[in-house]
Protein backbone atom coordinates (compact mmCIF):
# COMPACT_ATOMS: atom_id res chain seq x y z
CA UNK A 1 -12.26 63.08 74.60
CA UNK A 2 -11.45 66.96 74.96
CA UNK A 3 -8.64 68.57 74.03
CA UNK A 4 -7.29 72.42 75.81
CA UNK A 5 -3.58 72.21 74.54
CA UNK A 6 -2.25 70.81 77.52
CA UNK A 7 -3.59 66.89 77.59
CA UNK A 8 -1.00 64.47 77.92
CA UNK A 9 -1.39 60.79 77.55
CA UNK A 10 -3.12 58.83 80.48
CA UNK A 11 -3.09 62.58 82.08
CA UNK A 12 -6.21 64.05 82.85
CA UNK A 13 -6.26 67.68 81.63
CA UNK A 14 -3.90 70.35 83.36
CA UNK A 15 -6.10 72.00 85.89
CA UNK A 16 -6.05 76.28 84.47
CA UNK A 17 -7.29 77.96 87.84
CA UNK A 18 -3.96 76.60 90.15
CA UNK A 19 -1.46 77.25 87.85
CA UNK A 20 -2.75 80.51 86.88
CA UNK A 21 -2.84 80.91 91.18
CA UNK A 22 0.81 79.59 91.61
CA UNK A 23 2.19 82.49 87.97
CA UNK A 24 0.16 84.96 90.05
CA UNK A 25 1.59 84.07 93.22
CA UNK A 26 4.86 83.72 92.38
CA UNK A 27 5.39 86.73 89.64
CA UNK A 28 4.77 88.51 92.42
CA UNK A 29 7.29 87.99 94.71
CA UNK A 30 9.81 88.44 91.36
CA UNK A 31 10.07 84.89 89.23
CA UNK A 32 7.88 85.73 86.79
CA UNK A 33 9.45 82.17 84.36
CA UNK A 34 9.12 79.86 87.12
CA UNK A 35 8.97 76.24 86.38
CA UNK A 36 4.72 75.63 84.37
CA UNK A 37 3.28 72.66 85.29
CA UNK A 38 3.30 71.26 81.09
CA UNK A 39 6.89 72.18 81.08
CA UNK A 40 7.27 69.57 84.37
CA UNK A 41 5.28 66.82 82.85
CA UNK A 42 6.94 66.40 80.07
CA UNK A 43 10.02 66.40 82.16
CA UNK A 44 8.01 63.58 83.42
CA UNK A 45 7.06 62.04 80.41
CA UNK A 46 10.76 61.48 79.22
CA UNK A 47 11.80 60.34 82.39
CA UNK A 48 9.50 57.70 82.84
CA UNK A 49 9.55 56.57 78.86
CA UNK A 50 13.21 56.49 79.20
CA UNK A 51 12.57 53.66 82.79
CA UNK A 52 9.66 52.01 80.86
CA UNK A 53 12.03 50.85 77.77
CA UNK A 54 13.86 49.41 80.58
CA UNK A 55 13.00 46.02 81.35
CA UNK A 56 15.04 45.63 84.70
CA UNK A 57 13.37 48.88 85.55
CA UNK A 58 10.46 47.91 88.84
CA UNK A 59 6.80 48.99 87.69
CA UNK A 60 6.92 50.93 91.46
CA UNK A 61 9.14 52.77 90.61
CA UNK A 62 7.95 53.91 87.31
CA UNK A 63 4.32 54.11 88.65
CA UNK A 64 5.60 57.52 91.64
CA UNK A 65 6.31 59.65 88.42
CA UNK A 66 3.31 62.08 88.48
CA UNK A 67 1.18 63.90 85.51
CA UNK A 68 -1.65 65.64 87.09
CA UNK A 69 -1.39 69.04 88.74
CA UNK A 70 -3.16 68.57 92.19
CA UNK A 71 -5.77 71.08 92.42
CA UNK A 72 -5.78 74.14 94.29
CA UNK A 73 -7.57 73.94 97.22
CA UNK A 74 -5.84 70.59 98.13
CA UNK A 75 -3.63 72.57 100.31
CA UNK A 76 -2.47 69.57 102.44
CA UNK A 77 -0.97 67.24 100.06
CA UNK A 78 1.79 65.33 100.14
CA UNK A 79 4.39 63.93 97.43
CA UNK A 80 7.75 62.47 96.60
CA UNK A 81 10.28 63.83 95.33
CA UNK A 82 11.09 61.34 92.28
CA UNK A 83 9.32 63.68 89.57
CA UNK A 84 9.14 67.42 88.26
CA UNK A 85 5.62 67.68 89.20
CA UNK A 86 5.61 67.21 93.52
CA UNK A 87 8.78 69.67 93.54
CA UNK A 88 7.92 72.05 91.57
CA UNK A 89 4.42 71.73 93.95
CA UNK A 90 6.60 72.03 96.79
CA UNK A 91 8.91 74.58 95.28
CA UNK A 92 5.45 76.74 95.53
CA UNK A 93 4.91 76.65 98.78
CA UNK A 94 7.28 77.28 100.21
CA UNK A 95 9.59 79.85 97.90
CA UNK A 96 6.65 82.17 99.09
CA UNK A 97 6.11 81.18 102.46
CA UNK A 98 10.61 82.48 103.02
CA UNK A 99 10.13 84.53 101.44
CA UNK A 100 7.39 86.41 103.27
CA UNK A 101 9.27 85.16 106.07
CA UNK A 102 12.18 86.95 105.48
CA UNK A 103 12.12 89.13 103.57
CA UNK A 104 12.37 92.52 106.36
CA UNK A 105 14.12 90.26 108.47
CA UNK A 106 17.04 93.26 110.10
CA UNK A 107 19.75 90.15 108.99
CA UNK A 108 22.69 89.70 108.14
CA UNK A 109 21.39 87.47 105.18
CA UNK A 110 23.90 84.70 103.17
CA UNK A 111 24.09 82.35 100.40
CA UNK A 112 25.38 79.52 101.87
CA UNK A 113 26.41 76.06 100.35
CA UNK A 114 28.37 72.99 102.25
CA UNK A 115 29.72 70.48 100.87
CA UNK A 116 30.91 67.68 103.55
CA UNK A 117 32.95 65.12 102.32
CA UNK A 118 31.25 62.95 104.81
CA UNK A 119 28.21 62.75 102.56
CA UNK A 120 29.66 61.30 99.39
CA UNK A 121 28.83 57.79 98.83
CA UNK A 122 29.76 56.14 95.17
CA UNK A 123 28.43 55.84 91.61
CA UNK A 124 25.45 53.50 92.54
CA UNK A 125 25.24 53.89 96.16
CA UNK A 126 23.28 57.38 96.04
CA UNK A 127 20.18 55.22 98.38
CA UNK A 128 23.33 55.79 100.65
CA UNK A 129 22.65 59.50 100.77
CA UNK A 130 21.59 60.43 104.03
CA UNK A 131 20.14 63.78 104.75
CA UNK A 132 18.98 63.65 108.66
CA UNK A 133 22.33 63.13 108.92
CA UNK A 134 23.42 66.75 106.93
CA UNK A 135 20.11 67.81 109.23
CA UNK A 136 22.00 67.12 112.47
CA UNK A 137 25.14 68.19 111.15
CA UNK A 138 23.70 71.59 110.61
CA UNK A 139 21.78 71.94 113.97
CA UNK A 140 24.85 70.93 115.67
CA UNK A 141 26.71 73.80 114.25
CA UNK A 142 24.25 76.71 114.23
CA UNK A 143 24.02 75.38 117.50
CA UNK A 144 27.88 76.96 118.39
CA UNK A 145 26.10 80.61 117.02
CA UNK A 146 25.82 82.82 120.12
CA UNK A 147 21.78 83.39 118.86
CA UNK A 148 19.09 82.12 117.16
CA UNK A 149 18.85 81.95 113.36
CA UNK A 150 16.75 80.94 110.86
CA UNK A 151 17.67 79.09 107.97
CA UNK A 152 15.98 78.14 105.08
CA UNK A 153 17.26 75.52 101.39
CA UNK A 154 17.90 71.87 100.76
CA UNK A 155 20.10 68.99 100.11
CA UNK A 156 21.24 68.27 96.54
CA UNK A 157 23.25 65.54 94.97
CA UNK A 158 25.28 66.51 92.29
CA UNK A 159 27.20 63.57 90.03
CA UNK A 160 30.62 64.95 90.60
CA UNK A 161 33.64 63.88 88.02
CA UNK A 162 37.22 65.23 88.83
CA UNK A 163 40.45 65.82 87.17
CA UNK A 164 41.30 62.33 87.34
CA UNK A 165 37.99 61.27 86.17
CA UNK A 166 36.76 59.58 89.28
CA UNK A 167 33.56 59.87 90.03
CA UNK A 168 31.35 60.06 93.12
CA UNK A 169 28.04 61.41 94.13
CA UNK A 170 28.15 64.54 96.06
CA UNK A 171 26.46 66.03 98.83
CA UNK A 172 25.44 69.55 99.56
CA UNK A 173 23.45 72.01 101.58
CA UNK A 174 21.86 75.14 99.89
CA UNK A 175 20.70 77.24 102.38
CA UNK A 176 20.01 80.82 103.25
CA UNK A 177 20.88 81.60 106.61
CA UNK A 178 19.55 85.07 108.30
CA UNK A 179 20.91 86.84 111.50
CA UNK A 180 24.78 85.88 112.09
CA UNK A 181 27.38 87.16 110.41
CA UNK A 182 29.97 85.59 107.76
CA UNK A 183 33.35 85.37 110.09
CA UNK A 184 30.70 84.20 112.68
CA UNK A 185 29.46 81.71 110.08
CA UNK A 186 32.43 81.01 109.07
CA UNK A 187 33.57 79.64 112.10
CA UNK A 188 30.27 77.70 112.62
CA UNK A 189 30.21 75.97 110.04
CA UNK A 190 33.91 75.02 109.25
CA UNK A 191 34.81 72.27 108.29
CA UNK A 192 37.45 70.13 109.41
CA UNK A 193 40.55 70.34 107.32
CA UNK A 194 41.22 66.19 108.06
CA UNK A 195 38.30 65.91 106.32
CA UNK A 196 39.57 68.13 103.19
CA UNK A 197 40.49 64.84 101.05
CA UNK A 198 40.91 66.48 97.82
CA UNK A 199 43.22 69.45 97.08
CA UNK A 200 39.96 71.19 95.32
CA UNK A 201 37.94 71.23 97.31
CA UNK A 202 35.73 74.06 98.96
CA UNK A 203 33.29 72.76 101.18
CA UNK A 204 32.02 75.88 102.40
CA UNK A 205 30.98 78.94 100.58
CA UNK A 206 29.47 82.10 102.61
CA UNK A 207 28.14 84.76 99.97
CA UNK A 208 25.91 87.81 100.28
CA UNK A 209 22.88 87.19 99.68
CA UNK A 210 22.20 89.17 96.34
CA UNK A 211 18.26 88.66 94.99
CA UNK A 212 16.62 86.93 97.85
CA UNK A 213 13.94 85.26 96.15
CA UNK A 214 16.49 83.66 93.02
CA UNK A 215 18.91 82.62 95.84
CA UNK A 216 15.57 80.89 97.85
CA UNK A 217 14.47 79.49 94.31
CA UNK A 218 17.71 78.27 94.09
CA UNK A 219 18.29 76.30 96.91
CA UNK A 220 15.03 74.69 96.99
CA UNK A 221 15.55 72.88 93.49
CA UNK A 222 15.29 69.56 92.98
CA UNK A 223 16.97 69.35 89.86
CA UNK A 224 20.22 66.63 89.83
CA UNK A 225 23.17 67.79 87.70
CA UNK A 226 26.52 66.56 86.62
CA UNK A 227 29.55 68.99 88.17
CA UNK A 228 32.71 68.44 86.30
CA UNK A 229 36.23 70.08 87.83
CA UNK A 230 37.78 72.27 85.62
CA UNK A 231 40.87 74.15 85.53
CA UNK A 232 41.98 77.09 84.68
CA UNK A 233 42.38 77.13 81.03
CA UNK A 234 39.51 75.11 80.02
CA UNK A 235 36.50 77.10 82.16
CA UNK A 236 33.41 74.49 79.94
CA UNK A 237 31.92 72.54 81.64
CA UNK A 238 32.16 73.48 85.15
CA UNK A 239 28.45 72.19 85.69
CA UNK A 240 25.61 70.75 83.79
CA UNK A 241 21.93 69.35 83.76
CA UNK A 242 23.16 65.99 81.58
CA UNK A 243 21.18 62.72 80.71
CA UNK A 244 22.20 60.20 83.04
CA UNK A 245 22.34 56.67 81.97
CA UNK A 246 19.38 54.17 82.98
CA UNK A 247 20.45 52.83 85.75
CA UNK A 248 21.93 56.59 87.42
CA UNK A 249 18.50 57.87 86.50
CA UNK A 250 16.80 54.93 88.00
CA UNK A 251 18.94 55.44 91.62
CA UNK A 252 18.36 58.75 91.17
CA UNK A 253 14.04 58.50 91.55
CA UNK A 254 14.55 55.44 93.94
CA UNK A 255 16.24 58.25 96.47
CA UNK A 256 14.00 61.44 94.97
CA UNK A 257 11.30 58.66 95.81
CA UNK A 258 12.02 57.48 99.40
CA UNK A 259 12.03 61.86 100.89
CA UNK A 260 8.10 62.51 101.17
CA UNK A 261 7.32 66.43 102.35
């Protein structure tokens, strides 16, 4: 079998034409360090290797992990969020479209993070996280604004570790919203105090947009992470990308694989 330097077991060669198109497109809008297909394939390999070595992992679950980037002309392809390649393909499509839509918007533009306590689920029950419910909540709240807005973003799951040792899955919406003022957004998206069950909880953040394309990259990411609560004396480890346990990895994959683009 011939090799082009980017071949992987049980996979076809990486299609350079497709990867070059993505690289040029993302560099042009200000993301020259956008993740590459070989990087995503290596991450998928590590995930599959860990799961395959666990006898209780269903074969159907492992089979969802991809190793072949799709050709450039396969523009109608859909994929699952259960692996890095599908996520990269989705982001490479969405980020430039959103950037073109928002780059000349008269504004104002803000970066918004919402972590509603109702979107939390216990460890081991990540499949119960309801993205549709979060989208419906957001839609109802945006209707409170006096005029239409544009909102681009996504739902992220974060494994939270509190100071008292409590661990749970927290759901977040990360959004770029154009067309409403800061105070208007805070009023429309406010999380009522009766839902705040943790002393240091900050369920809503409305921040200046900063660099638009980087904010779009952040709010479309598909990385499941662990977030560790901290005090002023212990600031390290606020947010970590970790090697999850096998059980947690399977839970993540089962939930993410159900999200079809």
